[in-house]
C-alpha atoms as a PDB file:
ATOM      1  CA  MET A   1     203.630-124.017 150.704  1.00  0.00           C
ATOM      2  CA  SER A   2     202.538-121.523 148.047  1.00  0.00           C
ATOM      3  CA  TRP A   3     203.387-123.961 145.250  1.00  0.00           C
ATOM      4  CA  LEU A   4     201.197-126.551 146.935  1.00  0.00           C
ATOM      5  CA  LYS A   5     198.252-124.122 147.075  1.00  0.00           C
ATOM      6  CA  HIS A   6     198.864-123.239 143.429  1.00  0.00           C
ATOM      7  CA  LEU A   7     198.891-126.942 142.495  1.00  0.00           C
ATOM      8  CA  LEU A   8     195.658-127.561 144.413  1.00  0.00           C
ATOM      9  CA  ILE A   9     193.943-124.631 142.695  1.00  0.00           C
ATOM     10  CA  LEU A  10     195.050-125.857 139.249  1.00  0.00           C
ATOM     11  CA  THR A  11     193.816-129.357 140.062  1.00  0.00           C
ATOM     12  CA  PHE A  12     190.485-127.970 141.238  1.00  0.00           C
ATOM     13  CA  VAL A  13     190.073-125.874 138.080  1.00  0.00           C
ATOM     14  CA  PHE A  14     190.975-128.863 135.911  1.00  0.00           C
ATOM     15  CA  ALA A  15     188.427-131.030 137.751  1.00  0.00           C
ATOM     16  CA  ILE A  16     185.708-128.404 137.236  1.00  0.00           C
ATOM     17  CA  LYS A  17     186.480-128.242 133.511  1.00  0.00           C
ATOM     18  CA  ILE A  18     186.245-132.026 133.248  1.00  0.00           C
ATOM     19  CA  CYS A  19     182.933-132.002 135.118  1.00  0.00           C
ATOM     20  CA  LEU A  20     181.562-129.324 132.793  1.00  0.00           C
ATOM     21  CA  VAL A  21     182.649-131.236 129.731  1.00  0.00           C
ATOM     22  CA  TYR A  22     181.113-134.533 130.793  1.00  0.00           C
ATOM     23  CA  SER A  23     178.049-133.200 132.593  1.00  0.00           C
ATOM     24  CA  ASN A  24     175.863-132.579 129.547  1.00  0.00           C
ATOM     25  CA  GLY A  25     178.067-133.376 126.593  1.00  0.00           C
ATOM     26  CA  THR A  26     178.779-129.778 125.656  1.00  0.00           C
ATOM     27  CA  VAL A  27     182.138-128.131 125.947  1.00  0.00           C
ATOM     28  CA  PHE A  28     182.312-124.580 127.252  1.00  0.00           C
ATOM     29  CA  THR A  29     185.406-123.269 125.562  1.00  0.00           C
ATOM     30  CA  THR A  30     186.227-120.282 123.456  1.00  0.00           C
ATOM     31  CA  PRO A  31     185.823-120.801 119.726  1.00  0.00           C
ATOM     32  CA  SER A  32     189.033-121.633 117.954  1.00  0.00           C
ATOM     33  CA  VAL A  33     190.103-121.895 114.366  1.00  0.00           C
ATOM     34  CA  VAL A  34     189.793-125.453 113.139  1.00  0.00           C
ATOM     35  CA  THR A  35     192.504-126.493 110.763  1.00  0.00           C
ATOM     36  CA  THR A  36     192.302-129.704 108.852  1.00  0.00           C
ATOM     37  CA  THR A  37     195.266-131.518 107.518  1.00  0.00           C
ATOM     38  CA  PRO A  38     195.021-132.701 103.967  1.00  0.00           C
ATOM     39  CA  HIS A  39     194.618-136.451 103.467  1.00  0.00           C
ATOM     40  CA  PHE A  40     198.107-137.901 103.284  1.00  0.00           C
ATOM     41  CA  ASN A  41     198.688-140.493 100.582  1.00  0.00           C
ATOM     42  CA  CYS A  42     201.229-143.158 101.602  1.00  0.00           C
ATOM     43  CA  SER A  43     200.825-145.206  98.452  1.00  0.00           C
ATOM     44  CA  ILE A  44     203.161-142.879  96.544  1.00  0.00           C
ATOM     45  CA  TYR A  45     206.141-144.515  98.261  1.00  0.00           C
ATOM     46  CA  THR A  46     207.472-147.622  96.574  1.00  0.00           C
ATOM     47  CA  SER A  47     210.247-148.818  98.877  1.00  0.00           C
ATOM     48  CA  CYS A  48     210.499-149.682 102.540  1.00  0.00           C
ATOM     49  CA  ARG A  49     213.081-147.010 103.242  1.00  0.00           C
ATOM     50  CA  THR A  50     211.094-144.122 101.739  1.00  0.00           C
ATOM     51  CA  CYS A  51     207.847-145.355 103.280  1.00  0.00           C
ATOM     52  CA  THR A  52     209.168-145.746 106.803  1.00  0.00           C
ATOM     53  CA  ASN A  53     210.765-142.296 106.754  1.00  0.00           C
ATOM     54  CA  VAL A  54     207.231-140.903 107.035  1.00  0.00           C
ATOM     55  CA  ASN A  55     205.817-141.322 110.554  1.00  0.00           C
ATOM     56  CA  SER A  56     202.220-141.904 109.499  1.00  0.00           C
ATOM     57  CA  CYS A  57     203.016-144.717 107.029  1.00  0.00           C
ATOM     58  CA  PHE A  58     204.036-148.349 107.367  1.00  0.00           C
ATOM     59  CA  TRP A  59     205.458-150.797 104.853  1.00  0.00           C
ATOM     60  CA  CYS A  60     203.748-154.140 104.257  1.00  0.00           C
ATOM     61  CA  GLU A  61     206.446-156.531 103.078  1.00  0.00           C
ATOM     62  CA  PRO A  62     204.434-159.395 101.514  1.00  0.00           C
ATOM     63  CA  SER A  63     202.425-157.050  99.288  1.00  0.00           C
ATOM     64  CA  LYS A  64     205.239-154.470  98.893  1.00  0.00           C
ATOM     65  CA  VAL A  65     202.779-151.641  99.565  1.00  0.00           C
ATOM     66  CA  CYS A  66     203.088-148.498 101.685  1.00  0.00           C
ATOM     67  CA  GLU A  67     199.938-147.808 103.697  1.00  0.00           C
ATOM     68  CA  LYS A  68     198.722-145.257 106.233  1.00  0.00           C
ATOM     69  CA  PHE A  69     199.248-146.408 109.809  1.00  0.00           C
ATOM     70  CA  PRO A  70     195.869-146.674 111.582  1.00  0.00           C
ATOM     71  CA  SER A  71     195.857-144.162 114.432  1.00  0.00           C
ATOM     72  CA  LYS A  72     193.366-146.063 116.603  1.00  0.00           C
ATOM     73  CA  GLN A  73     195.067-149.456 116.440  1.00  0.00           C
ATOM     74  CA  ILE A  74     198.286-150.789 117.884  1.00  0.00           C
ATOM     75  CA  PHE A  75     198.875-153.251 115.055  1.00  0.00           C
ATOM     76  CA  PRO A  76     197.894-152.443 111.500  1.00  0.00           C
ATOM     77  CA  SER A  77     195.561-154.988 109.984  1.00  0.00           C
ATOM     78  CA  GLY A  78     195.488-156.245 106.430  1.00  0.00           C
ATOM     79  CA  CYS A  79     199.158-157.071 106.085  1.00  0.00           C
ATOM     80  CA  ALA A  80     199.765-160.752 105.414  1.00  0.00           C
ATOM     81  CA  LYS A  81     201.967-162.689 107.836  1.00  0.00           C
ATOM     82  CA  ASN A  82     202.126-159.610 110.081  1.00  0.00           C
ATOM     83  CA  GLU A  83     205.306-158.533 108.325  1.00  0.00           C
ATOM     84  CA  TRP A  84     204.952-154.774 108.542  1.00  0.00           C
ATOM     85  CA  TYR A  85     207.662-152.224 109.196  1.00  0.00           C
ATOM     86  CA  TRP A  86     207.270-148.844 110.835  1.00  0.00           C
ATOM     87  CA  LYS A  87     210.018-146.201 111.129  1.00  0.00           C
ATOM     88  CA  GLN A  88     212.669-148.810 110.164  1.00  0.00           C
ATOM     89  CA  CYS A  89     213.137-151.721 107.783  1.00  0.00           C
ATOM     90  CA  LEU A  90     215.177-154.166 109.865  1.00  0.00           C
ATOM     91  CA  VAL A  91     212.791-155.747 112.371  1.00  0.00           C
ATOM     92  CA  PRO A  92     209.074-156.350 111.742  1.00  0.00           C
ATOM     93  CA  GLY A  93     206.782-154.115 113.769  1.00  0.00           C
ATOM     94  CA  TYR A  94     204.940-156.886 115.574  1.00  0.00           C
ATOM     95  CA  ILE A  95     208.265-158.148 116.958  1.00  0.00           C
ATOM     96  CA  LEU A  96     209.170-154.646 118.111  1.00  0.00           C
ATOM     97  CA  MET A  97     205.793-154.344 119.828  1.00  0.00           C
ATOM     98  CA  ILE A  98     206.615-157.473 121.834  1.00  0.00           C
ATOM     99  CA  VAL A  99     210.390-157.230 122.330  1.00  0.00           C
ATOM    100  CA  VAL A 100     210.698-153.550 123.288  1.00  0.00           C
ATOM    101  CA  PRO A 101     208.184-153.672 126.168  1.00  0.00           C
ATOM    102  CA  SER A 102     209.671-156.985 127.344  1.00  0.00           C
ATOM    103  CA  LEU A 103     213.195-155.548 127.367  1.00  0.00           C
ATOM    104  CA  ALA A 104     211.952-152.415 129.114  1.00  0.00           C
ATOM    105  CA  PHE A 105     210.304-154.589 131.773  1.00  0.00           C
ATOM    106  CA  ILE A 106     213.493-156.620 132.276  1.00  0.00           C
ATOM    107  CA  VAL A 107     215.612-153.458 132.564  1.00  0.00           C
ATOM    108  CA  LEU A 108     213.193-151.893 135.065  1.00  0.00           C
ATOM    109  CA  LEU A 109     213.030-155.115 137.066  1.00  0.00           C
ATOM    110  CA  SER A 110     216.833-155.350 137.108  1.00  0.00           C
ATOM    111  CA  CYS A 111     217.140-151.729 138.210  1.00  0.00           C
ATOM    112  CA  GLY A 112     214.574-152.331 140.929  1.00  0.00           C
ATOM    113  CA  CYS A 113     216.437-155.396 142.192  1.00  0.00           C
ATOM    114  CA  PHE A 114     219.746-153.524 142.098  1.00  0.00           C
ATOM    115  CA  ILE A 115     218.320-150.586 144.045  1.00  0.00           C
ATOM    116  CA  TYR A 116     216.710-152.930 146.565  1.00  0.00           C
ATOM    117  CA  CYS A 117     219.909-154.897 147.088  1.00  0.00           C
ATOM    118  CA  LYS A 118     222.157-151.846 147.387  1.00  0.00           C
ATOM    119  CA  CYS A 119     219.945-149.369 149.200  1.00  0.00           C
ATOM    120  CA  CYS A 120     217.146-151.104 151.049  1.00  0.00           C
ATOM    121  CA  ARG A 121     218.857-154.158 152.467  1.00  0.00           C
ATOM    122  CA  LYS A 122     221.546-153.915 155.097  1.00  0.00           C
ATOM    123  CA  SER A 123     224.981-153.452 153.665  1.00  0.00           C
ATOM    124  CA  ASN A 124     227.050-156.494 152.757  1.00  0.00           C
ATOM    125  CA  THR A 125     229.313-155.958 155.754  1.00  0.00           C
ATOM    126  CA  SER A 126     226.486-156.548 158.243  1.00  0.00           C
ATOM    127  CA  TRP A 127     226.406-160.304 157.637  1.00  0.00           C
ATOM    128  CA  LYS A 128     230.184-160.386 157.956  1.00  0.00           C
ATOM    129  CA  LYS A 129     229.959-158.556 161.286  1.00  0.00           C
ATOM    130  CA  GLU A 130     227.357-161.068 162.475  1.00  0.00           C
ATOM    131  CA  GLU A 131     229.551-163.952 161.377  1.00  0.00           C
ATOM    132  CA  ASP A 132     232.558-162.432 163.169  1.00  0.00           C
ATOM    133  CA  LYS A 133     230.490-162.027 166.337  1.00  0.00           C
ATOM    134  CA  LEU A 134     229.377-165.661 166.186  1.00  0.00           C
ATOM    135  CA  THR A 135     232.948-166.840 165.572  1.00  0.00           C
ATOM    136  CA  GLN A 136     234.210-164.765 168.509  1.00  0.00           C
ATOM    137  CA  LYS A 137     231.447-166.108 170.747  1.00  0.00           C
ATOM    138  CA  LYS A 138     232.284-169.691 169.712  1.00  0.00           C
ATOM    139  CA  LYS A 139     235.975-169.134 170.512  1.00  0.00           C
ATOM    140  CA  GLU A 140     235.081-167.705 173.928  1.00  0.00           C
ATOM    141  CA  GLN A 141     232.890-170.735 174.650  1.00  0.00           C
ATOM    142  CA  GLN A 142     235.722-173.092 173.631  1.00  0.00           C
ATOM    143  CA  VAL A 143     238.168-171.259 175.918  1.00  0.00           C
ATOM    144  CA  LYS A 144     235.708-171.476 178.838  1.00  0.00           C
ATOM    145  CA  ALA A 145     235.121-175.161 178.110  1.00  0.00           C
ATOM    146  CA  GLU A 146     238.884-175.823 178.122  1.00  0.00           C
ATOM    147  CA  GLU A 147     239.215-173.958 181.448  1.00  0.00           C
ATOM    148  CA  ARG A 148     236.380-175.999 183.008  1.00  0.00           C
ATOM    149  CA  LYS A 149     237.942-179.212 181.665  1.00  0.00           C
ATOM    150  CA  ALA A 150     241.306-178.282 183.184  1.00  0.00           C
ATOM    151  CA  GLU A 151     239.614-177.494 186.548  1.00  0.00           C
ATOM    152  CA  ARG A 152     237.771-180.836 186.513  1.00  0.00           C
ATOM    153  CA  LYS A 153     241.024-182.671 185.730  1.00  0.00           C
ATOM    154  CA  GLU A 154     242.788-180.915 188.634  1.00  0.00           C
ATOM    155  CA  ARG A 155     240.004-181.869 191.046  1.00  0.00           C
ATOM    156  CA  SER A 156     239.906-185.474 189.854  1.00  0.00           C
ATOM    157  CA  ASP A 157     243.718-185.694 190.045  1.00  0.00           C
ATOM    158  CA  ALA A 158     243.616-184.258 193.574  1.00  0.00           C
ATOM    159  CA  LEU A 159     241.043-186.869 194.610  1.00  0.00           C
ATOM    160  CA  ARG A 160     243.061-189.642 192.992  1.00  0.00           C
ATOM    161  CA  MET A 161     246.212-188.524 194.825  1.00  0.00           C
ATOM    162  CA  LYS A 162     244.315-188.351 198.083  1.00  0.00           C
ATOM    163  CA  TYR A 163     243.206-191.960 197.752  1.00  0.00           C
ATOM    164  CA  GLY A 164     246.395-193.152 196.064  1.00  0.00           C
ATOM    165  CA  LEU A 165     244.789-193.924 192.734  1.00  0.00           C
ATOM    166  CA  LEU A 166     246.938-191.528 190.718  1.00  0.00           C
ATOM    167  CA  LYS A 167     249.509-193.470 188.729  1.00  0.00           C
ATOM    168  CA  SER A 168     252.829-192.073 187.742  1.00  0.00           C
ATOM    169  CA  ASP A 169     254.447-192.485 184.337  1.00  0.00           C
ATOM    170  CA  ASP A 170     256.906-195.152 185.493  1.00  0.00           C
ATOM    171  CA  GLU A 171     254.322-197.390 187.214  1.00  0.00           C
ATOM    172  CA  ASP A 172     252.444-200.206 185.569  1.00  0.00           C
ATOM    173  CA  PRO A 173     248.839-199.469 184.763  1.00  0.00           C
ATOM    174  CA  LEU A 174     246.318-200.625 187.315  1.00  0.00           C
ATOM    175  CA  LEU A 175     244.729-203.928 186.613  1.00  0.00           C
ATOM    176  CA  ASN A 176     240.944-203.972 186.640  1.00  0.00           C
END
């Protein structure tokens, strides 16, 4: 339980910090050294391979220009026909942005279905057991029906013999 208390305390402290940050727009933190990164120039690269080796650049195929990837956008704008490449030169980026999430969704859905079928549903043998029980019950009912039929035949034969209506194999059938 101590780890739970520790987690609750950390969550509480984090919530207080967030409240302090957003309460009046000022942040109460210790001063830190601010380092700026120099402006990176992607236009020095002249081929797709060299451009896409740098994480912050993308290659625009129609214009054959290497540009800086916009950090606040999902798709870079300004590239004709949306043929831009990022981190590789085989598949255009807009296709990757559509295909990769779609494939991930299909894989997760398949895994979910597999787990549901194997773990959450009754095992595959349960339906077989039910089917075997029904088959056994049907056989028992057929046996009982045959026994009742044989008993009825005995009683009707006894009545026929009593009144002389039972015919033997060598006699002619009764005329109606």
